[in-house]
Every structure is written in structure tokens, then in C-alpha cells.
Amino acid sequence: MLGSVLHTAKSGPVWALALLAVLQAGCLAESDPFEGLGECGQWDLTPECCLKKLPGQWERCTGSSEIAEAAQRAHTLGTKAVAVGTAVAMTAAAAAPQIGSAERRGVELAADLRSKIESAIAQCTRKADQEINDYHFKGKSPSAELCGQVKVGERTTWAAYLGLFKHEQAWSCLREALNKLIPPERYRLYPRFYINPATGKWEFMEENLMSQIVTEQGWSGLKGTIEPDIIILDEKGIIVRVYDLKFPCPENKPASWEWYKEGRWRDLSQGDVYKRILGVTPQLVSPRWGVEQIK
């Protein structure tokens, strides 16, 4: 939803970042697996989290007076865009993605189609990386020293800040590219999964349920859920491919999974958890290395 809203509302990273904050999206996508969602985690140090703690303080949270001004102009549009985007998402999601099982396995993609899909995902990842770097650094890539420096607040590094916005910048490109290769119902961007209390099984979380939980409980209500970046489905709606975008900073740093340090998934990586829950080996995607073929 968010990517298309940003793409159609107005071009340019400044407007995208402003709307991103207005729509309050993505704060959990890069969240620290082992810290409470009431607090910003080690990898969840984003302007969105800052704005939740300091409502309305756009310049302090984003570090840009230009974004602050754009955010004020975007507020009314952003509110309308949420409703429109949600309606579109609900229409497209006619059938919820299904997690495969021993009795009901998904049909793998044809080799040529898989190659085209992965090429498109890699290209969009590189494009988003380059666009955000161009905006901030005039065509250059951030150095290791800069990546570790604080950008926002007391703990948000440039690496975390850039990673969030590069993810958001990629969505519209991914949606456009994937729509040319497969029907919209054959993929999801940033889908969320949860344990259904009625069945005790992991299931896809519909948009209306997620909105209800956030409204009633705040973002902490989504604690314990997972959210890979991209899933691809077979014709019956069973998950057959899982991809997770990573934007290492600096660019020569290898893409890697984050690791859980406590809780029920202690000593497991994000990739391990995705595989256990979704039954599919997830693939890492980065600007430099593309889709890493993990067996």
C-alpha cells in the first residue's frame, strides 16, 4: 500500500519521507527482535519511533526542516491516502496467503519465471539504494565512519536511517515490476503473520485485523508477529518464495540476518525464524550482491 501511495502522491525522497512519517509505516519492519515494542529497539531506531514518542516534532525526528514543512502539508493527504490504500489492499487480497505443510505443498516457480522475478527484485533494490544515496550524498556511497554516526535522536545511526528509507523507496518499483510478471494476487509486499489464538497456528494477518490491533493496543499489540519483505505464491495461494531486503552500510558490508538474543527464538536468526514459520528458505537481497541463493 505505502509504496504506491508515495509513488502517486508526489515524486522525490523528501515528499516520500514526509508521507512515510505521516502514515506511520515501517516502524516494526526493521524492529529489534528482542526488545519490547513499546521502546525503539536496536534496529528499530527510526524517525517513526521518534515521532511516536515526540508527536509532531518532525524536524527533531527527521533532522530536516524541509521534511518538517512537507509533513505539515502532507497531513491531510496522508490521512486520505491511508483509507484509499487500505481499500485497494483489501480488494487485491481476495485470498489470504497460505503456509504450506507436509500434506499441502506449494508448486515451485518455473525456472525462467523465478529468474525474472529475482532479477526484478534485485534491480529495484539497487535502484532504491542509489536513489537515496544520490539524494543524501550526491552520487556517492556513505563511508563506514558515517554509517556508524548518529543521525536522529541519541541512537539512530545513518545505517538505520538509510535502511528504513531505502526499503520504503523500493516498494513502488517492486510493485510495478512484479505486476508485469505475475498477477497481483500472486505476491505480497511486507505481509505480516501471527499466531491465531483460535487455532494456535501461524496465519496471514489481514489488513483490517492489523489496523484494529494497532488502534486498540498500539504497535505493542503486534509483538511476536513476523513481517518478511516479499512473499511469492503459487496459483493456489501457497507461499513458495520468501525474500528479505537488506541495505548494508557501508555498501561493501555483507548482507546478513539479525539474530535473536532472548525469548522463544533465542540464538536463531531472522532467516531461521522465517523458515520455521513459513516453511520456505528465505533469500537475502542486497544492492551489491542481488538475490543470494541460499539452499
Protein backbone atom coordinates (compact mmCIF):
# COMPACT_ATOMS: atom_id res chain seq x y z
CA MET A 1 0.00 0.00 0.00
CA LEU A 2 2.54 2.58 1.11
CA GLY A 3 4.81 2.32 -1.92
CA SER A 4 2.03 3.10 -4.37
CA VAL A 5 0.81 5.99 -2.25
CA LEU A 6 4.27 7.52 -2.18
CA HIS A 7 4.74 6.93 -5.89
CA THR A 8 1.50 8.61 -6.94
CA ALA A 9 1.35 11.39 -4.39
CA LYS A 10 4.47 13.25 -5.45
CA SER A 11 7.91 12.22 -6.63
CA GLY A 12 11.12 12.79 -4.69
CA PRO A 13 12.56 11.39 -1.48
CA VAL A 14 11.64 14.43 0.63
CA TRP A 15 7.93 14.01 -0.01
CA ALA A 16 8.23 10.26 0.40
CA LEU A 17 9.89 10.63 3.79
CA ALA A 18 7.27 13.10 4.93
CA LEU A 19 4.39 10.85 3.93
CA LEU A 20 6.21 7.90 5.43
CA ALA A 21 6.15 9.57 8.79
CA VAL A 22 2.55 10.71 8.39
CA LEU A 23 1.38 7.18 7.55
CA GLN A 24 3.38 5.75 10.48
CA ALA A 25 4.58 2.81 8.41
CA GLY A 26 7.59 0.53 8.69
CA CYS A 27 8.47 1.04 12.34
CA LEU A 28 8.35 -2.70 13.04
CA ALA A 29 9.78 -3.89 9.76
CA GLU A 30 13.35 -3.49 10.99
CA SER A 31 12.50 -3.96 14.66
CA ASP A 32 14.82 -5.41 17.22
CA PRO A 33 13.59 -8.99 17.78
CA PHE A 34 14.40 -8.95 21.47
CA GLU A 35 13.29 -5.57 22.77
CA GLY A 36 9.73 -4.56 23.69
CA LEU A 37 7.81 -2.74 21.02
CA GLY A 38 6.93 -0.01 23.48
CA GLU A 39 10.53 1.12 23.10
CA CYS A 40 12.53 1.50 19.91
CA GLY A 41 14.82 -1.47 19.51
CA GLN A 42 18.43 -1.64 18.43
CA TRP A 43 17.48 -1.93 14.74
CA ASP A 44 14.20 -0.07 15.07
CA LEU A 45 15.76 3.34 15.62
CA THR A 46 13.72 5.21 13.06
CA PRO A 47 12.13 8.65 12.71
CA GLU A 48 8.74 6.92 13.06
CA CYS A 49 9.62 5.69 16.54
CA CYS A 50 10.86 9.16 17.42
CA LEU A 51 7.60 10.69 16.24
CA LYS A 52 5.59 8.24 18.35
CA LYS A 53 7.45 9.42 21.42
CA LEU A 54 7.56 13.08 20.33
CA PRO A 55 4.38 13.66 18.27
CA GLY A 56 4.60 16.50 15.79
CA GLN A 57 8.31 17.18 16.25
CA TRP A 58 9.17 16.49 12.61
CA GLU A 59 12.38 18.48 12.39
CA ARG A 60 13.83 16.97 15.56
CA CYS A 61 12.96 13.42 14.47
CA THR A 62 13.97 13.64 10.81
CA GLY A 63 16.77 16.19 11.03
CA SER A 64 15.30 18.21 8.17
CA SER A 65 13.27 21.42 8.23
CA GLU A 66 12.24 20.70 4.62
CA ILE A 67 10.71 17.38 5.64
CA ALA A 68 9.02 19.09 8.56
CA GLU A 69 7.35 21.61 6.25
CA ALA A 70 6.36 18.92 3.77
CA ALA A 71 4.91 16.80 6.55
CA GLN A 72 2.57 19.58 7.60
CA ARG A 73 1.34 19.93 4.00
CA ALA A 74 1.01 16.18 3.67
CA HIS A 75 -1.05 15.55 6.79
CA THR A 76 -4.50 15.86 5.19
CA LEU A 77 -3.46 13.98 2.05
CA GLY A 78 -1.81 11.28 4.15
CA THR A 79 -4.99 10.67 6.13
CA LYS A 80 -6.99 10.23 2.93
CA ALA A 81 -4.30 8.08 1.36
CA VAL A 82 -4.47 5.58 4.23
CA ALA A 83 -8.16 4.95 3.61
CA VAL A 84 -7.75 4.66 -0.16
CA GLY A 85 -4.69 2.45 0.09
CA THR A 86 -6.34 0.15 2.61
CA ALA A 87 -9.36 -0.31 0.34
CA VAL A 88 -7.10 -1.20 -2.59
CA ALA A 89 -5.12 -3.65 -0.47
CA MET A 90 -8.29 -5.36 0.77
CA THR A 91 -9.60 -5.73 -2.78
CA ALA A 92 -6.35 -7.24 -4.03
CA ALA A 93 -6.14 -9.65 -1.10
CA ALA A 94 -9.09 -11.80 -2.20
CA ALA A 95 -7.39 -14.93 -0.89
CA ALA A 96 -5.07 -14.89 2.10
CA PRO A 97 -1.59 -16.38 1.57
CA GLN A 98 -1.37 -19.95 2.85
CA ILE A 99 1.57 -21.55 4.64
CA GLY A 100 2.48 -24.88 3.08
CA SER A 101 2.56 -28.15 5.01
CA ALA A 102 3.60 -31.76 4.52
CA GLU A 103 0.12 -32.52 3.23
CA ARG A 104 -0.23 -29.38 1.11
CA ARG A 105 2.94 -28.18 -0.55
CA GLY A 106 3.19 -25.27 -2.92
CA VAL A 107 4.18 -25.64 -6.57
CA GLU A 108 7.62 -24.14 -7.19
CA LEU A 109 8.02 -21.38 -9.77
CA ALA A 110 9.21 -22.27 -13.25
CA ALA A 111 12.95 -21.59 -13.52
CA ASP A 112 12.59 -18.82 -16.12
CA LEU A 113 9.86 -17.03 -14.16
CA ARG A 114 11.82 -17.26 -10.94
CA SER A 115 14.86 -15.81 -12.70
CA LYS A 116 12.85 -12.86 -13.99
CA ILE A 117 11.26 -12.22 -10.59
CA GLU A 118 14.58 -12.29 -8.78
CA SER A 119 16.19 -10.07 -11.39
CA ALA A 120 13.39 -7.53 -10.93
CA ILE A 121 13.70 -7.63 -7.13
CA ALA A 122 17.48 -7.13 -7.34
CA GLN A 123 17.12 -4.24 -9.79
CA CYS A 124 14.57 -2.45 -7.60
CA THR A 125 16.79 -2.95 -4.56
CA ARG A 126 19.74 -1.38 -6.37
CA LYS A 127 17.58 1.44 -7.69
CA ALA A 128 16.27 2.34 -4.23
CA ASP A 129 19.78 2.21 -2.80
CA GLN A 130 21.12 4.52 -5.49
CA GLU A 131 18.23 6.99 -5.30
CA ILE A 132 18.53 7.51 -1.55
CA ASN A 133 22.33 7.72 -1.75
CA ASP A 134 22.04 10.24 -4.57
CA TYR A 135 19.64 12.34 -2.53
CA HIS A 136 21.80 12.40 0.59
CA PHE A 137 25.33 12.08 -0.81
CA LYS A 138 25.18 13.34 -4.41
CA GLY A 139 26.00 10.03 -6.06
CA LYS A 140 28.48 8.77 -3.51
CA SER A 141 28.03 5.94 -1.01
CA PRO A 142 28.27 6.57 2.74
CA SER A 143 31.54 5.62 4.42
CA ALA A 144 31.82 3.12 7.27
CA GLU A 145 32.51 6.01 9.61
CA LEU A 146 29.38 7.89 8.57
CA CYS A 147 27.23 4.74 8.74
CA GLY A 148 28.05 4.44 12.43
CA GLN A 149 27.38 8.08 13.25
CA VAL A 150 24.12 9.12 14.91
CA LYS A 151 21.68 10.73 12.50
CA VAL A 152 18.50 11.17 14.55
CA GLY A 153 17.99 11.42 18.31
CA GLU A 154 20.52 9.76 20.59
CA ARG A 155 20.80 6.33 18.97
CA THR A 156 19.56 6.37 15.37
CA THR A 157 22.59 5.83 13.15
CA TRP A 158 22.86 6.75 9.50
CA ALA A 159 22.86 3.00 8.74
CA ALA A 160 19.44 2.51 10.39
CA TYR A 161 18.05 5.74 8.96
CA LEU A 162 19.09 4.94 5.39
CA GLY A 163 17.99 1.31 5.64
CA LEU A 164 14.44 2.27 6.51
CA PHE A 165 14.04 4.79 3.72
CA LYS A 166 15.67 2.56 1.12
CA HIS A 167 13.10 -0.10 1.95
CA GLU A 168 10.26 2.37 1.52
CA GLN A 169 11.75 3.71 -1.71
CA ALA A 170 11.79 0.19 -3.16
CA TRP A 171 8.09 -0.65 -2.77
CA SER A 172 6.66 1.22 -5.77
CA CYS A 173 9.38 -0.16 -8.07
CA LEU A 174 8.79 -3.70 -6.79
CA ARG A 175 5.04 -3.47 -7.24
CA GLU A 176 5.36 -2.16 -10.79
CA ALA A 177 7.98 -4.76 -11.76
CA LEU A 178 6.18 -7.74 -10.21
CA ASN A 179 2.85 -6.74 -11.74
CA LYS A 180 4.43 -7.19 -15.18
CA LEU A 181 5.48 -10.75 -14.34
CA ILE A 182 2.71 -12.23 -12.18
CA PRO A 183 -0.85 -11.30 -11.16
CA PRO A 184 -1.09 -9.05 -8.05
CA GLU A 185 -2.66 -11.87 -6.04
CA ARG A 186 0.48 -13.98 -6.55
CA TYR A 187 2.68 -11.83 -4.30
CA ARG A 188 2.60 -9.67 -1.16
CA LEU A 189 4.88 -6.88 -0.03
CA TYR A 190 5.66 -6.69 3.72
CA PRO A 191 3.00 -9.27 4.71
CA ARG A 192 2.54 -9.88 8.43
CA PHE A 193 1.93 -13.25 10.08
CA TYR A 194 0.67 -14.06 13.58
CA ILE A 195 -0.44 -16.98 15.72
CA ASN A 196 -4.21 -17.23 15.51
CA PRO A 197 -5.33 -17.67 19.13
CA ALA A 198 -8.34 -19.72 17.99
CA THR A 199 -6.27 -22.32 16.10
CA GLY A 200 -2.81 -21.95 17.62
CA LYS A 201 -1.39 -21.83 14.08
CA TRP A 202 0.56 -19.20 12.18
CA GLU A 203 -1.62 -17.35 9.68
CA PHE A 204 -1.52 -14.30 7.43
CA MET A 205 -2.73 -11.16 9.21
CA GLU A 206 -5.33 -9.31 7.19
CA GLU A 207 -5.05 -5.52 6.92
CA ASN A 208 -8.25 -4.86 8.87
CA LEU A 209 -7.12 -7.06 11.78
CA MET A 210 -3.74 -5.34 11.94
CA SER A 211 -5.40 -1.90 11.91
CA GLN A 212 -7.78 -2.97 14.68
CA ILE A 213 -4.94 -4.25 16.87
CA VAL A 214 -2.86 -1.10 16.39
CA THR A 215 -5.90 1.09 17.12
CA GLU A 216 -6.81 -0.79 20.30
CA GLN A 217 -3.38 -1.77 21.63
CA GLY A 218 -0.86 0.40 19.82
CA TRP A 219 2.15 -1.03 18.00
CA SER A 220 2.96 -3.21 21.01
CA GLY A 221 -0.07 -5.32 20.06
CA LEU A 222 1.92 -6.68 17.12
CA LYS A 223 4.68 -8.06 19.32
CA GLY A 224 5.52 -11.62 18.34
CA THR A 225 4.42 -11.27 14.72
CA ILE A 226 6.79 -11.55 11.74
CA GLU A 227 6.99 -9.48 8.56
CA PRO A 228 9.23 -10.59 5.66
CA ASP A 229 9.58 -8.09 2.83
CA ILE A 230 8.25 -10.15 -0.10
CA ILE A 231 6.43 -13.45 -0.49
CA ILE A 232 5.58 -15.15 -3.79
CA LEU A 233 2.60 -17.52 -4.00
CA ASP A 234 1.68 -20.35 -6.33
CA GLU A 235 -1.66 -20.42 -8.15
CA LYS A 236 -3.39 -21.87 -5.07
CA GLY A 237 -2.06 -19.13 -2.81
CA ILE A 238 0.59 -21.20 -1.04
CA ILE A 239 3.86 -19.45 -0.18
CA VAL A 240 6.71 -20.75 -2.35
CA ARG A 241 9.30 -17.94 -2.15
CA VAL A 242 10.32 -15.51 0.59
CA TYR A 243 12.69 -12.56 0.11
CA ASP A 244 14.07 -10.07 2.61
CA LEU A 245 15.77 -6.84 1.53
CA LYS A 246 18.92 -5.70 3.30
CA PHE A 247 20.79 -2.43 2.72
CA PRO A 248 24.24 -2.85 4.33
CA CYS A 249 26.03 0.31 5.35
CA PRO A 250 28.73 0.70 4.13
CA GLU A 251 27.89 -0.95 0.83
CA ASN A 252 30.75 -3.48 0.95
CA LYS A 253 29.50 -4.93 4.21
CA PRO A 254 27.96 -8.40 3.63
CA ALA A 255 24.19 -8.66 3.91
CA SER A 256 23.22 -10.74 6.93
CA TRP A 257 20.32 -11.74 9.14
CA GLU A 258 19.81 -10.23 12.57
CA TRP A 259 19.92 -12.67 15.49
CA TYR A 260 17.51 -13.04 18.41
CA LYS A 261 19.26 -12.81 21.75
CA GLU A 262 16.43 -13.89 24.05
CA GLY A 263 12.85 -15.09 24.05
CA ARG A 264 11.46 -18.17 22.32
CA TRP A 265 13.66 -17.62 19.26
CA ARG A 266 16.88 -17.08 21.17
CA ASP A 267 20.02 -17.94 19.16
CA LEU A 268 18.04 -18.10 15.90
CA SER A 269 18.38 -15.67 13.00
CA GLN A 270 15.55 -13.87 11.22
CA GLY A 271 16.07 -16.32 8.37
CA ASP A 272 15.78 -19.32 10.70
CA VAL A 273 12.51 -17.99 12.08
CA TYR A 274 11.03 -17.27 8.65
CA LYS A 275 11.90 -20.79 7.53
CA ARG A 276 10.40 -22.41 10.62
CA ILE A 277 7.17 -20.46 10.39
CA LEU A 278 6.65 -20.15 6.64
CA GLY A 279 8.20 -23.46 5.60
CA VAL A 280 10.33 -21.82 2.91
CA THR A 281 14.04 -20.97 2.94
CA PRO A 282 14.16 -17.14 2.67
CA GLN A 283 16.56 -15.39 0.32
CA LEU A 284 18.55 -12.30 1.25
CA VAL A 285 18.59 -9.45 -1.27
CA SER A 286 21.08 -6.58 -1.23
CA PRO A 287 22.12 -3.85 -3.70
CA ARG A 288 25.64 -5.21 -4.14
CA TRP A 289 25.02 -8.94 -4.15
CA GLY A 290 21.48 -9.18 -5.51
CA VAL A 291 19.48 -12.26 -4.53
CA GLU A 292 21.72 -14.62 -2.56
CA GLN A 293 20.92 -18.21 -3.43
CA ILE A 294 20.61 -19.86 -0.04
CA LYS A 295 19.77 -23.55 -0.06
